[in-house]
Amino acid sequence: MASKQLPISVERIEKAILLVRGQKVILDKDLAVLYGVETRVLKQAVRRNRNRFPSDFMFELTKEENRSLRSQNVILEPGRYSKYLPFAFTEQGVAMLSSILNSERAIEVNIAIMRVFVRLREMMATHKELSLKLVELEERLEGHDEQIQNIFEAIRQLMTTPEPPRKRIYPVKLKMAA
């Protein structure tokens, strides 16, 4: 099956991924937009299939978490926020959604979301490798600071032109002719 071009960009999906409770998640309202359904429809489908969403797949935000996320948004659009607490879906929860939202768009969006999660994991692994190499380099150079300073001091001393030695002038006794 040839994949159609989704109207949703990878950047849009990346922006929807948040870090909550130390996990990368996407909120129900953002998934609803991506899937092209109303948030209440998505939540109804999840509630009807609650046994497919254990706590490591999906959890409901606390009031404090929801307030914190809302305060991070500079502009609060009127009517945009539900009086109900949002669901947060982990990568596995998003994958499970494809089994209950049975539409062509849901399948395509899920594939795109899974690819973004994989890409983020790869980027994090790369950053972790770079971080480890930086720490290793710092450890190797530790203690070299003093040696490097000594080298610079020696170079500075070599670069300064020494003052020419001063000739000592001895008093000369003059003999006078008688």
C-alpha atoms as a PDB file:
ATOM      1  CA  MET A   1       0.000   0.000   0.000  1.00  0.00           C
ATOM      2  CA  ALA A   2       1.475   3.365  -0.998  1.00  0.00           C
ATOM      3  CA  SER A   3       1.512   5.827   1.871  1.00  0.00           C
ATOM      4  CA  LYS A   4      -0.275   9.100   1.219  1.00  0.00           C
ATOM      5  CA  GLN A   5       1.283  12.349   2.347  1.00  0.00           C
ATOM      6  CA  LEU A   6      -0.134  13.163   5.756  1.00  0.00           C
ATOM      7  CA  PRO A   7      -1.445  16.662   6.370  1.00  0.00           C
ATOM      8  CA  ILE A   8       0.478  16.567   9.668  1.00  0.00           C
ATOM      9  CA  SER A   9       4.180  17.349   9.721  1.00  0.00           C
ATOM     10  CA  VAL A  10       6.806  15.515  11.735  1.00  0.00           C
ATOM     11  CA  GLU A  11       7.470  18.805  13.536  1.00  0.00           C
ATOM     12  CA  ARG A  12       3.799  18.976  14.616  1.00  0.00           C
ATOM     13  CA  ILE A  13       4.048  15.475  16.062  1.00  0.00           C
ATOM     14  CA  GLU A  14       7.336  16.313  17.805  1.00  0.00           C
ATOM     15  CA  LYS A  15       5.773  19.418  19.386  1.00  0.00           C
ATOM     16  CA  ALA A  16       2.918  17.292  20.733  1.00  0.00           C
ATOM     17  CA  ILE A  17       5.297  15.013  22.640  1.00  0.00           C
ATOM     18  CA  LEU A  18       5.687  16.163  26.239  1.00  0.00           C
ATOM     19  CA  LEU A  19       7.672  14.913  29.189  1.00  0.00           C
ATOM     20  CA  VAL A  20       5.358  14.037  32.085  1.00  0.00           C
ATOM     21  CA  ARG A  21       6.369  11.892  35.060  1.00  0.00           C
ATOM     22  CA  GLY A  22       9.649  11.194  33.311  1.00  0.00           C
ATOM     23  CA  GLN A  23       7.891   9.671  30.282  1.00  0.00           C
ATOM     24  CA  LYS A  24       7.395  10.963  26.759  1.00  0.00           C
ATOM     25  CA  VAL A  25       3.654  11.259  26.211  1.00  0.00           C
ATOM     26  CA  ILE A  26       1.084  12.806  23.903  1.00  0.00           C
ATOM     27  CA  LEU A  27      -2.102  14.259  25.381  1.00  0.00           C
ATOM     28  CA  ASP A  28      -5.540  13.142  24.257  1.00  0.00           C
ATOM     29  CA  LYS A  29      -6.417  16.562  22.771  1.00  0.00           C
ATOM     30  CA  ASP A  30      -3.273  16.530  20.599  1.00  0.00           C
ATOM     31  CA  LEU A  31      -3.899  12.959  19.459  1.00  0.00           C
ATOM     32  CA  ALA A  32      -7.495  13.864  18.610  1.00  0.00           C
ATOM     33  CA  VAL A  33      -6.234  16.674  16.358  1.00  0.00           C
ATOM     34  CA  LEU A  34      -3.709  14.341  14.711  1.00  0.00           C
ATOM     35  CA  TYR A  35      -6.358  11.654  14.139  1.00  0.00           C
ATOM     36  CA  GLY A  36      -8.943  14.179  12.961  1.00  0.00           C
ATOM     37  CA  VAL A  37     -11.510  13.260  15.630  1.00  0.00           C
ATOM     38  CA  GLU A  38     -13.024  15.090  18.579  1.00  0.00           C
ATOM     39  CA  THR A  39     -11.287  14.632  21.924  1.00  0.00           C
ATOM     40  CA  ARG A  40     -14.490  13.270  23.484  1.00  0.00           C
ATOM     41  CA  VAL A  41     -14.720  10.609  20.741  1.00  0.00           C
ATOM     42  CA  LEU A  42     -11.142   9.511  21.387  1.00  0.00           C
ATOM     43  CA  LYS A  43     -11.752   9.402  25.161  1.00  0.00           C
ATOM     44  CA  GLN A  44     -14.985   7.420  24.703  1.00  0.00           C
ATOM     45  CA  ALA A  45     -13.170   4.827  22.609  1.00  0.00           C
ATOM     46  CA  VAL A  46     -10.455   4.547  25.269  1.00  0.00           C
ATOM     47  CA  ARG A  47     -12.993   4.229  28.114  1.00  0.00           C
ATOM     48  CA  ARG A  48     -14.819   1.477  26.231  1.00  0.00           C
ATOM     49  CA  ASN A  49     -11.506  -0.387  25.918  1.00  0.00           C
ATOM     50  CA  ARG A  50      -9.964   0.544  29.287  1.00  0.00           C
ATOM     51  CA  ASN A  51      -8.397  -2.921  29.747  1.00  0.00           C
ATOM     52  CA  ARG A  52      -6.154  -2.249  26.712  1.00  0.00           C
ATOM     53  CA  PHE A  53      -4.557   0.752  28.450  1.00  0.00           C
ATOM     54  CA  PRO A  54      -2.647  -0.174  31.601  1.00  0.00           C
ATOM     55  CA  SER A  55      -0.966   2.638  33.533  1.00  0.00           C
ATOM     56  CA  ASP A  56       2.290   2.320  31.562  1.00  0.00           C
ATOM     57  CA  PHE A  57       0.313   2.893  28.323  1.00  0.00           C
ATOM     58  CA  MET A  58      -1.924   5.733  29.493  1.00  0.00           C
ATOM     59  CA  PHE A  59      -2.623   7.727  32.636  1.00  0.00           C
ATOM     60  CA  GLU A  60      -4.790  10.643  33.621  1.00  0.00           C
ATOM     61  CA  LEU A  61      -2.971  13.830  34.563  1.00  0.00           C
ATOM     62  CA  THR A  62      -3.343  15.156  38.094  1.00  0.00           C
ATOM     63  CA  LYS A  63      -4.816  18.624  38.634  1.00  0.00           C
ATOM     64  CA  GLU A  64      -1.327  19.961  39.411  1.00  0.00           C
ATOM     65  CA  GLU A  65       0.194  18.423  36.244  1.00  0.00           C
ATOM     66  CA  ASN A  66      -2.652  19.828  34.158  1.00  0.00           C
ATOM     67  CA  ARG A  67      -2.308  23.274  35.741  1.00  0.00           C
ATOM     68  CA  SER A  68       1.443  23.196  35.139  1.00  0.00           C
ATOM     69  CA  LEU A  69       1.011  22.278  31.471  1.00  0.00           C
ATOM     70  CA  ARG A  70      -1.634  24.974  31.001  1.00  0.00           C
ATOM     71  CA  SER A  71       0.557  27.616  32.638  1.00  0.00           C
ATOM     72  CA  GLN A  72       3.359  26.720  30.210  1.00  0.00           C
ATOM     73  CA  ASN A  73       1.062  27.786  27.363  1.00  0.00           C
ATOM     74  CA  VAL A  74       1.350  31.532  26.983  1.00  0.00           C
ATOM     75  CA  ILE A  75      -2.051  31.975  25.370  1.00  0.00           C
ATOM     76  CA  LEU A  76      -5.021  30.097  26.792  1.00  0.00           C
ATOM     77  CA  GLU A  77      -7.629  29.854  24.082  1.00  0.00           C
ATOM     78  CA  PRO A  78     -11.181  30.214  25.392  1.00  0.00           C
ATOM     79  CA  GLY A  79     -13.092  26.938  25.295  1.00  0.00           C
ATOM     80  CA  ARG A  80      -9.979  24.969  24.355  1.00  0.00           C
ATOM     81  CA  TYR A  81      -9.476  23.357  27.730  1.00  0.00           C
ATOM     82  CA  SER A  82     -11.840  20.711  29.021  1.00  0.00           C
ATOM     83  CA  LYS A  83     -13.114  20.596  32.568  1.00  0.00           C
ATOM     84  CA  TYR A  84     -11.970  16.954  32.564  1.00  0.00           C
ATOM     85  CA  LEU A  85      -8.387  15.985  33.199  1.00  0.00           C
ATOM     86  CA  PRO A  86      -6.550  14.897  30.045  1.00  0.00           C
ATOM     87  CA  PHE A  87      -5.228  11.432  29.328  1.00  0.00           C
ATOM     88  CA  ALA A  88      -1.523  11.135  28.582  1.00  0.00           C
ATOM     89  CA  PHE A  89      -0.529   8.330  26.202  1.00  0.00           C
ATOM     90  CA  THR A  90       2.940   6.774  26.159  1.00  0.00           C
ATOM     91  CA  GLU A  91       4.377   5.343  22.969  1.00  0.00           C
ATOM     92  CA  GLN A  92       2.769   1.972  23.735  1.00  0.00           C
ATOM     93  CA  GLY A  93      -0.565   3.667  24.425  1.00  0.00           C
ATOM     94  CA  VAL A  94      -0.423   5.454  21.084  1.00  0.00           C
ATOM     95  CA  ALA A  95       0.292   2.122  19.389  1.00  0.00           C
ATOM     96  CA  MET A  96      -2.707   0.580  21.171  1.00  0.00           C
ATOM     97  CA  LEU A  97      -4.941   3.400  19.918  1.00  0.00           C
ATOM     98  CA  SER A  98      -4.561   2.097  16.374  1.00  0.00           C
ATOM     99  CA  SER A  99      -6.392  -1.061  17.427  1.00  0.00           C
ATOM    100  CA  ILE A 100      -9.449   0.847  18.684  1.00  0.00           C
ATOM    101  CA  LEU A 101      -9.507   3.743  16.213  1.00  0.00           C
ATOM    102  CA  ASN A 102      -9.981   1.708  13.099  1.00  0.00           C
ATOM    103  CA  SER A 103      -9.614   4.164  10.250  1.00  0.00           C
ATOM    104  CA  GLU A 104      -7.133   4.621   7.446  1.00  0.00           C
ATOM    105  CA  ARG A 105      -6.066   7.976   8.860  1.00  0.00           C
ATOM    106  CA  ALA A 106      -5.546   6.486  12.347  1.00  0.00           C
ATOM    107  CA  ILE A 107      -3.249   3.831  10.905  1.00  0.00           C
ATOM    108  CA  GLU A 108      -1.213   6.381   8.906  1.00  0.00           C
ATOM    109  CA  VAL A 109      -0.967   8.782  11.838  1.00  0.00           C
ATOM    110  CA  ASN A 110       0.100   5.961  14.167  1.00  0.00           C
ATOM    111  CA  ILE A 111       2.869   4.940  11.783  1.00  0.00           C
ATOM    112  CA  ALA A 112       4.078   8.546  11.612  1.00  0.00           C
ATOM    113  CA  ILE A 113       3.981   8.903  15.416  1.00  0.00           C
ATOM    114  CA  MET A 114       5.897   5.637  15.917  1.00  0.00           C
ATOM    115  CA  ARG A 115       8.572   6.852  13.497  1.00  0.00           C
ATOM    116  CA  VAL A 116       8.913  10.106  15.442  1.00  0.00           C
ATOM    117  CA  PHE A 117       9.264   8.215  18.743  1.00  0.00           C
ATOM    118  CA  VAL A 118      11.965   6.019  17.187  1.00  0.00           C
ATOM    119  CA  ARG A 119      13.762   9.084  15.815  1.00  0.00           C
ATOM    120  CA  LEU A 120      13.661  10.748  19.240  1.00  0.00           C
ATOM    121  CA  ARG A 121      15.110   7.607  20.853  1.00  0.00           C
ATOM    122  CA  GLU A 122      17.922   7.550  18.295  1.00  0.00           C
ATOM    123  CA  MET A 123      18.659  11.243  18.892  1.00  0.00           C
ATOM    124  CA  MET A 124      18.738  10.696  22.652  1.00  0.00           C
ATOM    125  CA  ALA A 125      21.136   7.767  22.207  1.00  0.00           C
ATOM    126  CA  THR A 126      23.404   9.944  20.067  1.00  0.00           C
ATOM    127  CA  HIS A 127      23.322  12.718  22.663  1.00  0.00           C
ATOM    128  CA  LYS A 128      24.101  10.193  25.372  1.00  0.00           C
ATOM    129  CA  GLU A 129      27.099   8.901  23.401  1.00  0.00           C
ATOM    130  CA  LEU A 130      28.374  12.460  22.867  1.00  0.00           C
ATOM    131  CA  SER A 131      27.890  13.232  26.547  1.00  0.00           C
ATOM    132  CA  LEU A 132      29.853  10.137  27.563  1.00  0.00           C
ATOM    133  CA  LYS A 133      32.688  11.034  25.178  1.00  0.00           C
ATOM    134  CA  LEU A 134      32.802  14.564  26.561  1.00  0.00           C
ATOM    135  CA  VAL A 135      33.040  13.249  30.129  1.00  0.00           C
ATOM    136  CA  GLU A 136      35.792  10.859  29.042  1.00  0.00           C
ATOM    137  CA  LEU A 137      37.710  13.724  27.406  1.00  0.00           C
ATOM    138  CA  GLU A 138      37.308  15.897  30.503  1.00  0.00           C
ATOM    139  CA  GLU A 139      38.645  13.074  32.679  1.00  0.00           C
ATOM    140  CA  ARG A 140      41.650  12.619  30.389  1.00  0.00           C
ATOM    141  CA  LEU A 141      42.449  16.322  30.468  1.00  0.00           C
ATOM    142  CA  GLU A 142      41.954  16.618  34.214  1.00  0.00           C
ATOM    143  CA  GLY A 143      45.249  17.520  35.828  1.00  0.00           C
ATOM    144  CA  HIS A 144      46.661  18.752  32.536  1.00  0.00           C
ATOM    145  CA  ASP A 145      45.641  22.326  33.337  1.00  0.00           C
ATOM    146  CA  GLU A 146      48.652  22.897  35.568  1.00  0.00           C
ATOM    147  CA  GLN A 147      50.981  21.277  33.040  1.00  0.00           C
ATOM    148  CA  ILE A 148      49.558  23.422  30.248  1.00  0.00           C
ATOM    149  CA  GLN A 149      49.960  26.553  32.386  1.00  0.00           C
ATOM    150  CA  ASN A 150      53.615  25.614  33.028  1.00  0.00           C
ATOM    151  CA  ILE A 151      54.182  25.181  29.284  1.00  0.00           C
ATOM    152  CA  PHE A 152      52.632  28.594  28.584  1.00  0.00           C
ATOM    153  CA  GLU A 153      54.796  30.204  31.270  1.00  0.00           C
ATOM    154  CA  ALA A 154      57.923  28.617  29.775  1.00  0.00           C
ATOM    155  CA  ILE A 155      56.922  29.867  26.309  1.00  0.00           C
ATOM    156  CA  ARG A 156      56.322  33.380  27.667  1.00  0.00           C
ATOM    157  CA  GLN A 157      59.755  33.345  29.271  1.00  0.00           C
ATOM    158  CA  LEU A 158      61.334  32.271  26.002  1.00  0.00           C
ATOM    159  CA  MET A 159      59.469  34.998  24.124  1.00  0.00           C
ATOM    160  CA  THR A 160      60.554  37.837  26.366  1.00  0.00           C
ATOM    161  CA  THR A 161      63.827  39.299  25.238  1.00  0.00           C
ATOM    162  CA  PRO A 162      66.286  39.319  28.050  1.00  0.00           C
ATOM    163  CA  GLU A 163      67.792  42.622  28.917  1.00  0.00           C
ATOM    164  CA  PRO A 164      71.324  42.884  27.510  1.00  0.00           C
ATOM    165  CA  PRO A 165      73.941  42.393  30.157  1.00  0.00           C
ATOM    166  CA  ARG A 166      75.204  45.671  31.478  1.00  0.00           C
ATOM    167  CA  LYS A 167      78.878  46.330  31.224  1.00  0.00           C
ATOM    168  CA  ARG A 168      80.383  47.241  34.451  1.00  0.00           C
ATOM    169  CA  ILE A 169      82.354  50.415  34.230  1.00  0.00           C
ATOM    170  CA  TYR A 170      85.493  50.368  36.260  1.00  0.00           C
ATOM    171  CA  PRO A 171      86.971  53.642  37.342  1.00  0.00           C
ATOM    172  CA  VAL A 172      90.151  54.371  35.492  1.00  0.00           C
ATOM    173  CA  LYS A 173      93.022  55.915  37.351  1.00  0.00           C
ATOM    174  CA  LEU A 174      94.699  58.496  35.286  1.00  0.00           C
ATOM    175  CA  LYS A 175      98.378  59.185  35.786  1.00  0.00           C
ATOM    176  CA  MET A 176      99.334  62.741  35.625  1.00  0.00           C
ATOM    177  CA  ALA A 177     102.554  63.787  34.178  1.00  0.00           C
ATOM    178  CA  ALA A 178     104.789  65.659  36.480  1.00  0.00           C
END
